[in-house]
Protein backbone atom coordinates (compact mmCIF):
# COMPACT_ATOMS: atom_id res chain seq x y z
CA MET A 1 21.40 -29.05 39.78
CA GLN A 2 21.01 -30.10 36.22
CA PRO A 3 20.88 -27.32 33.50
CA LEU A 4 17.60 -26.85 31.44
CA SER A 5 17.55 -28.87 28.23
CA ASN A 6 17.53 -26.89 24.93
CA MET A 7 14.01 -28.00 24.33
CA LYS A 8 12.85 -26.62 27.69
CA ARG A 9 14.76 -23.35 27.05
CA ARG A 10 12.90 -22.91 23.89
CA PHE A 11 9.58 -23.74 25.56
CA TYR A 12 10.10 -20.95 28.05
CA LEU A 13 11.35 -18.59 25.62
CA VAL A 14 8.48 -19.07 23.15
CA GLY A 15 6.05 -18.95 26.24
CA LEU A 16 7.43 -15.62 27.43
CA ILE A 17 7.36 -14.14 23.94
CA LEU A 18 3.57 -15.13 23.63
CA LEU A 19 2.73 -13.73 26.99
CA PHE A 20 4.48 -10.42 26.07
CA VAL A 21 2.63 -10.43 22.65
CA ILE A 22 -0.73 -11.06 24.56
CA LEU A 23 -0.07 -8.45 27.38
CA LEU A 24 1.60 -5.59 25.26
CA PRO A 25 -1.79 -4.67 23.63
CA ILE A 26 -3.71 -4.76 26.96
CA VAL A 27 -1.00 -2.50 28.59
CA ILE A 28 -1.17 -0.13 25.71
CA PHE A 29 -4.95 -0.30 25.81
CA PHE A 30 -5.04 0.79 29.50
CA ALA A 31 -2.14 3.28 29.05
CA ASP A 32 -4.36 5.17 26.43
CA GLY A 33 -6.94 5.50 29.03
CA TYR A 34 -9.48 2.74 27.93
CA ARG A 35 -11.78 1.44 30.81
CA TYR A 36 -14.71 -0.94 30.63
CA ARG A 37 -18.07 0.72 31.57
CA SER A 38 -21.14 -1.39 31.99
CA GLY A 39 -23.48 -0.54 28.94
CA SER A 40 -20.94 1.22 27.17
CA GLY A 41 -18.17 -1.33 26.66
CA PHE A 42 -14.55 0.03 26.53
CA VAL A 43 -14.37 3.79 26.62
CA GLN A 44 -11.32 6.15 26.66
CA THR A 45 -11.49 8.09 29.95
CA GLY A 46 -9.94 11.35 31.16
CA GLY A 47 -9.42 13.05 34.58
CA ILE A 48 -10.00 16.15 36.74
CA TYR A 49 -7.27 17.83 38.80
CA ILE A 50 -8.52 20.39 41.36
CA SER A 51 -6.35 22.84 43.17
CA VAL A 52 -7.57 23.88 46.68
CA PRO A 53 -5.04 26.38 48.20
CA TYR A 54 -7.07 26.40 51.41
CA SER A 55 -7.13 24.22 54.64
CA ASN A 56 -10.55 22.77 55.89
CA ALA A 57 -12.47 22.92 52.67
CA ASN A 58 -14.73 20.39 51.63
CA VAL A 59 -14.55 19.05 47.88
CA TYR A 60 -17.54 17.58 46.37
CA PHE A 61 -17.53 15.64 43.18
CA ASP A 62 -21.06 15.53 41.50
CA ARG A 63 -22.74 16.48 44.76
CA THR A 64 -20.93 13.86 46.72
CA LEU A 65 -18.16 14.51 49.19
CA TYR A 66 -14.87 13.52 47.91
CA GLY A 67 -12.27 14.85 50.36
CA ARG A 68 -11.20 17.64 52.63
CA SER A 69 -8.30 19.93 52.14
CA SER A 70 -5.55 20.43 54.75
CA PHE A 71 -2.24 21.83 55.14
CA LEU A 72 -0.65 18.92 53.68
CA ARG A 73 -3.40 18.25 50.98
CA ARG A 74 -4.10 21.15 48.61
CA SER A 75 -4.92 19.23 45.38
CA PHE A 76 -7.24 16.37 44.24
CA TYR A 77 -7.05 14.13 41.33
CA ILE A 78 -10.07 12.12 39.99
CA ASP A 79 -9.16 9.82 37.26
CA ASN A 80 -10.77 7.02 34.97
CA LEU A 81 -13.75 9.46 34.38
CA THR A 82 -16.25 8.71 31.45
CA PRO A 83 -16.12 11.74 28.99
CA GLY A 84 -18.85 14.07 29.81
CA GLN A 85 -19.71 17.03 32.26
CA TYR A 86 -19.09 16.85 35.87
CA VAL A 87 -19.76 19.51 38.71
CA ILE A 88 -17.03 20.24 41.23
CA ARG A 89 -18.09 22.21 44.46
CA VAL A 90 -15.78 23.41 47.31
CA GLU A 91 -17.24 24.76 50.59
CA GLN A 92 -15.42 26.25 53.61
CA PRO A 93 -17.01 28.09 56.73
CA GLY A 94 -17.19 31.62 56.10
CA ALA A 95 -16.62 31.69 52.51
CA ASN A 96 -18.62 31.92 49.27
CA THR A 97 -19.37 28.38 47.83
CA TRP A 98 -17.22 27.87 44.63
CA GLU A 99 -18.64 25.68 42.04
CA ARG A 100 -17.47 24.81 38.50
CA THR A 101 -18.94 22.67 35.83
CA LEU A 102 -16.17 20.89 34.09
CA TYR A 103 -15.96 18.86 30.72
CA VAL A 104 -13.70 15.75 30.60
CA GLU A 105 -12.42 14.54 27.33
CA PRO A 106 -10.77 11.18 26.46
CA GLN A 107 -7.06 10.96 27.46
CA LEU A 108 -6.98 14.51 28.80
CA VAL A 109 -6.89 16.23 32.26
CA THR A 110 -9.31 19.01 32.98
CA ASP A 111 -7.60 21.37 35.57
CA THR A 112 -9.16 24.16 37.86
CA SER A 113 -8.31 25.96 40.91
CA ALA A 114 -10.83 26.88 43.62
CA LEU A 115 -11.10 30.63 44.58
CA LEU A 116 -12.85 31.05 47.96
CA VAL A 117 -14.00 34.49 48.64
CA PRO A 118 -15.15 35.53 52.15
CA LEU A 119 -18.62 36.24 52.92
CA GLU A 120 -17.91 39.32 54.84
CA PHE A 121 -14.93 41.92 54.38
CA GLU A 122 -13.50 44.15 56.76
CA MET A 123 -13.56 47.83 55.85
CA LEU A 124 -11.29 50.58 57.47
CA LYS A 125 -12.07 54.26 56.85
CA ILE A 126 -8.96 56.10 55.97
CA ILE A 127 -8.47 59.26 58.07
CA THR A 128 -5.68 61.84 58.88
CA ALA A 129 -6.72 62.63 62.46
CA THR A 130 -5.31 60.46 65.37
CA SER A 131 -7.73 57.84 66.24
CA THR A 132 -7.76 54.61 68.32
CA ALA A 133 -10.84 53.06 66.79
CA THR A 134 -10.32 49.64 65.19
CA THR A 135 -12.47 50.60 62.29
CA THR A 136 -10.12 53.28 61.11
CA ARG A 137 -6.68 53.50 59.37
CA THR A 138 -4.74 56.69 60.03
CA LEU A 139 -2.44 58.14 57.43
CA THR A 140 0.02 61.09 57.66
CA ARG A 141 -1.23 64.16 55.91
CA THR A 142 1.22 63.59 53.15
CA ALA A 143 0.30 60.00 52.58
CA PHE A 144 -3.30 61.11 52.54
CA GLN A 145 -2.56 63.63 49.82
CA ASP A 146 -0.65 60.99 47.84
CA MET A 147 -3.42 58.80 47.83
CA GLN A 148 -5.78 61.62 46.64
CA THR A 149 -3.36 62.07 43.75
CA VAL A 150 -3.41 58.49 42.79
CA PHE A 151 -7.30 58.77 42.53
CA SER A 152 -7.01 61.90 40.49
CA LYS A 153 -5.58 59.96 37.53
CA PRO A 154 -7.44 57.32 35.71
CA LEU A 155 -6.21 53.78 35.71
CA ALA A 156 -4.51 52.38 32.60
CA THR A 157 -7.20 50.76 30.10
CA THR A 158 -4.90 47.80 29.94
CA THR A 159 -3.08 46.13 32.99
CA ALA A 160 -0.67 43.31 32.49
CA SER A 161 -1.00 40.18 34.71
CA SER A 162 1.89 38.61 36.57
CA VAL A 163 1.28 35.51 34.20
CA ALA A 164 2.85 36.11 30.91
CA GLY A 165 0.58 37.05 28.03
CA LEU A 166 -2.38 37.85 30.13
CA SER A 167 -3.91 41.36 30.66
CA VAL A 168 -7.20 42.82 31.94
CA VAL A 169 -8.69 45.45 29.45
CA LEU A 170 -11.13 48.20 30.04
CA GLU A 171 -12.74 48.90 26.60
CA LYS A 172 -16.11 50.72 25.67
CA GLY A 173 -17.26 50.54 29.29
CA ASN A 174 -16.68 46.83 29.47
CA VAL A 175 -14.01 44.56 31.18
CA TYR A 176 -12.24 41.62 29.66
CA GLU A 177 -9.39 39.47 30.43
CA ARG A 178 -7.32 38.54 27.27
CA ARG A 179 -4.42 36.43 26.51
CA ASN A 180 -2.00 36.72 23.77
CA GLN A 181 -1.74 33.52 21.72
CA VAL A 182 1.74 32.41 21.85
CA ASN A 183 3.19 29.46 19.94
CA ASN A 184 3.96 26.42 22.11
CA ILE A 185 2.50 27.87 25.15
CA LEU A 186 -0.68 26.18 26.41
CA PRO A 187 -3.45 28.60 27.51
CA PRO A 188 -4.44 28.83 31.10
CA SER A 189 -7.39 26.41 31.86
CA ASN A 190 -9.86 29.12 32.69
CA PHE A 191 -9.67 30.18 29.13
CA CYS A 192 -10.71 26.64 28.09
CA ILE A 193 -14.40 25.65 27.95
CA ARG A 194 -13.07 22.06 27.60
CA PRO A 195 -9.39 20.97 27.30
CA SER A 196 -9.64 20.99 23.45
CA GLN A 197 -11.72 24.21 23.16
CA CYS A 198 -10.09 27.42 24.25
CA VAL A 199 -10.78 31.21 23.76
CA SER A 200 -8.65 34.25 23.78
CA GLU A 201 -10.84 36.53 25.59
CA ILE A 202 -13.11 36.32 28.82
CA ALA A 203 -15.83 38.85 29.36
CA ILE A 204 -15.71 39.90 32.96
CA GLU A 205 -18.31 42.63 32.73
CA ASN A 206 -20.18 43.17 29.59
CA GLY A 207 -23.50 44.56 30.13
CA PRO A 208 -25.61 47.85 29.79
CA ASP A 209 -23.71 49.69 32.61
CA THR A 210 -20.34 51.39 32.27
CA ALA A 211 -17.18 50.10 33.79
CA ILE A 212 -14.71 52.93 34.85
CA SER A 213 -11.83 51.00 36.37
CA ALA A 214 -10.39 47.57 36.42
CA ALA A 215 -7.32 45.68 37.76
CA TYR A 216 -5.89 42.39 39.00
CA PHE A 217 -6.10 41.79 42.79
CA GLY A 218 -6.46 38.94 45.23
CA GLY A 219 -6.60 36.13 42.62
CA GLY A 220 -9.18 37.89 40.59
CA ILE A 221 -10.24 41.13 38.99
CA ILE A 222 -11.45 44.17 40.71
CA TYR A 223 -13.71 46.50 38.81
CA ALA A 224 -15.87 49.58 39.44
CA ILE A 225 -19.31 50.16 37.64
CA LYS A 226 -20.36 53.80 37.45
CA GLU A 227 -23.92 52.93 38.22
CA ARG A 228 -23.51 50.18 40.72
CA GLY A 229 -20.17 50.31 42.73
CA VAL A 230 -17.18 47.99 43.23
CA PHE A 231 -16.96 44.36 42.40
CA PHE A 232 -14.63 41.41 42.68
CA SER A 233 -14.80 38.69 39.89
CA GLU A 234 -13.16 35.57 39.23
CA SER A 235 -11.91 35.12 35.63
CA ASP A 236 -13.11 31.88 34.08
CA ILE A 237 -14.96 31.00 30.80
CA ARG A 238 -16.61 28.00 32.47
CA PHE A 239 -19.79 28.16 34.50
CA ALA A 240 -20.09 29.72 36.96
CA PRO A 241 -17.40 32.18 38.02
CA VAL A 242 -17.72 33.97 41.43
CA VAL A 243 -18.69 37.66 41.57
CA VAL A 244 -18.99 39.63 44.62
CA SER A 245 -20.21 43.12 45.36
CA LEU A 246 -17.52 44.78 47.50
CA TYR A 247 -19.00 48.24 47.73
CA PRO A 248 -22.53 48.82 46.17
CA LYS A 249 -22.56 52.49 45.97
CA LYS A 250 -23.19 54.29 42.69
CA GLY A 251 -20.16 56.61 41.80
CA ALA A 252 -17.55 54.61 44.02
CA ASP A 253 -14.16 53.82 42.41
CA PHE A 254 -11.02 51.95 43.55
CA ARG A 255 -7.36 51.92 43.29
CA ILE A 256 -4.61 49.40 44.38
CA ILE A 257 -2.08 51.38 46.44
CA ASP A 258 0.80 49.51 48.05
CA ASP A 259 -0.85 46.18 47.62
CA ALA A 260 -3.95 47.47 49.36
CA LEU A 261 -7.40 47.84 47.98
CA ILE A 262 -8.83 51.39 48.45
CA VAL A 263 -12.24 52.53 47.56
CA LYS A 264 -13.22 56.00 47.19
CA ASP A 265 -16.95 57.04 47.84
CA GLU A 266 -17.20 60.84 47.17
CA ALA A 267 -14.80 62.42 49.68
CA ALA A 268 -14.36 59.29 51.84
CA TYR A 269 -11.91 56.56 51.51
CA TYR A 270 -11.90 53.02 52.77
CA GLU A 271 -9.44 50.05 52.79
CA ILE A 272 -11.06 46.72 52.08
CA LEU A 273 -9.45 43.72 53.78
CA GLY A 274 -9.96 40.03 53.36
CA LEU A 275 -9.36 39.35 49.71
């Protein structure tokens, strides 16, 4: 086999250099998120990442079924999206529908995590007498008295989260989740109206009624309203966080005892299961 002549070698070298020079801007162009859109030309795109920590949940993107979660698939990534507003909805039998309005920005990924709250909760009355009823939970007299002691003390007005820098705050009859702004630490996505616009406080309950207790539980925040009872709320600045009434009775309060949600209604105590 004859070696290439010097002229052919120079020809191939120059051709490869020209090809590299031509393709490099195109590669950078696409790497920067530019895509062609009919009617708009080339635009920088973004994406949405959705965590769905449940099986058998349907995920909808702008009202169209996008996929179904399973034991092996708990997240979805939708890329090449034109900047703008999109609606994500997650549905699962037996749970409240979860829906979130998300903003996509150029070269950024908007992330969120679905929180599916059951439509119905199991409630066990806590007693000290021996009972075989499946609607009751029996405690020893000492454990029952210890529970009463816990309820006799007010909850702290500030409760820290397991996530560094976050806390739920009870202030002037209102409930907030706040974050400490720490350098070089990105804020959780639920504090961001859009990826480039974040806040340091989310109002969980900020109305005319009076909140008397608040704490983290079940992936969200439990709070008691003096006039309306006990509620569970998702914490998210974006529209629209899930809010569910757990025990709609005036004067009811709650405590988290040994990782269990206990509600007090006058002299009666109940454990709420399912969150």
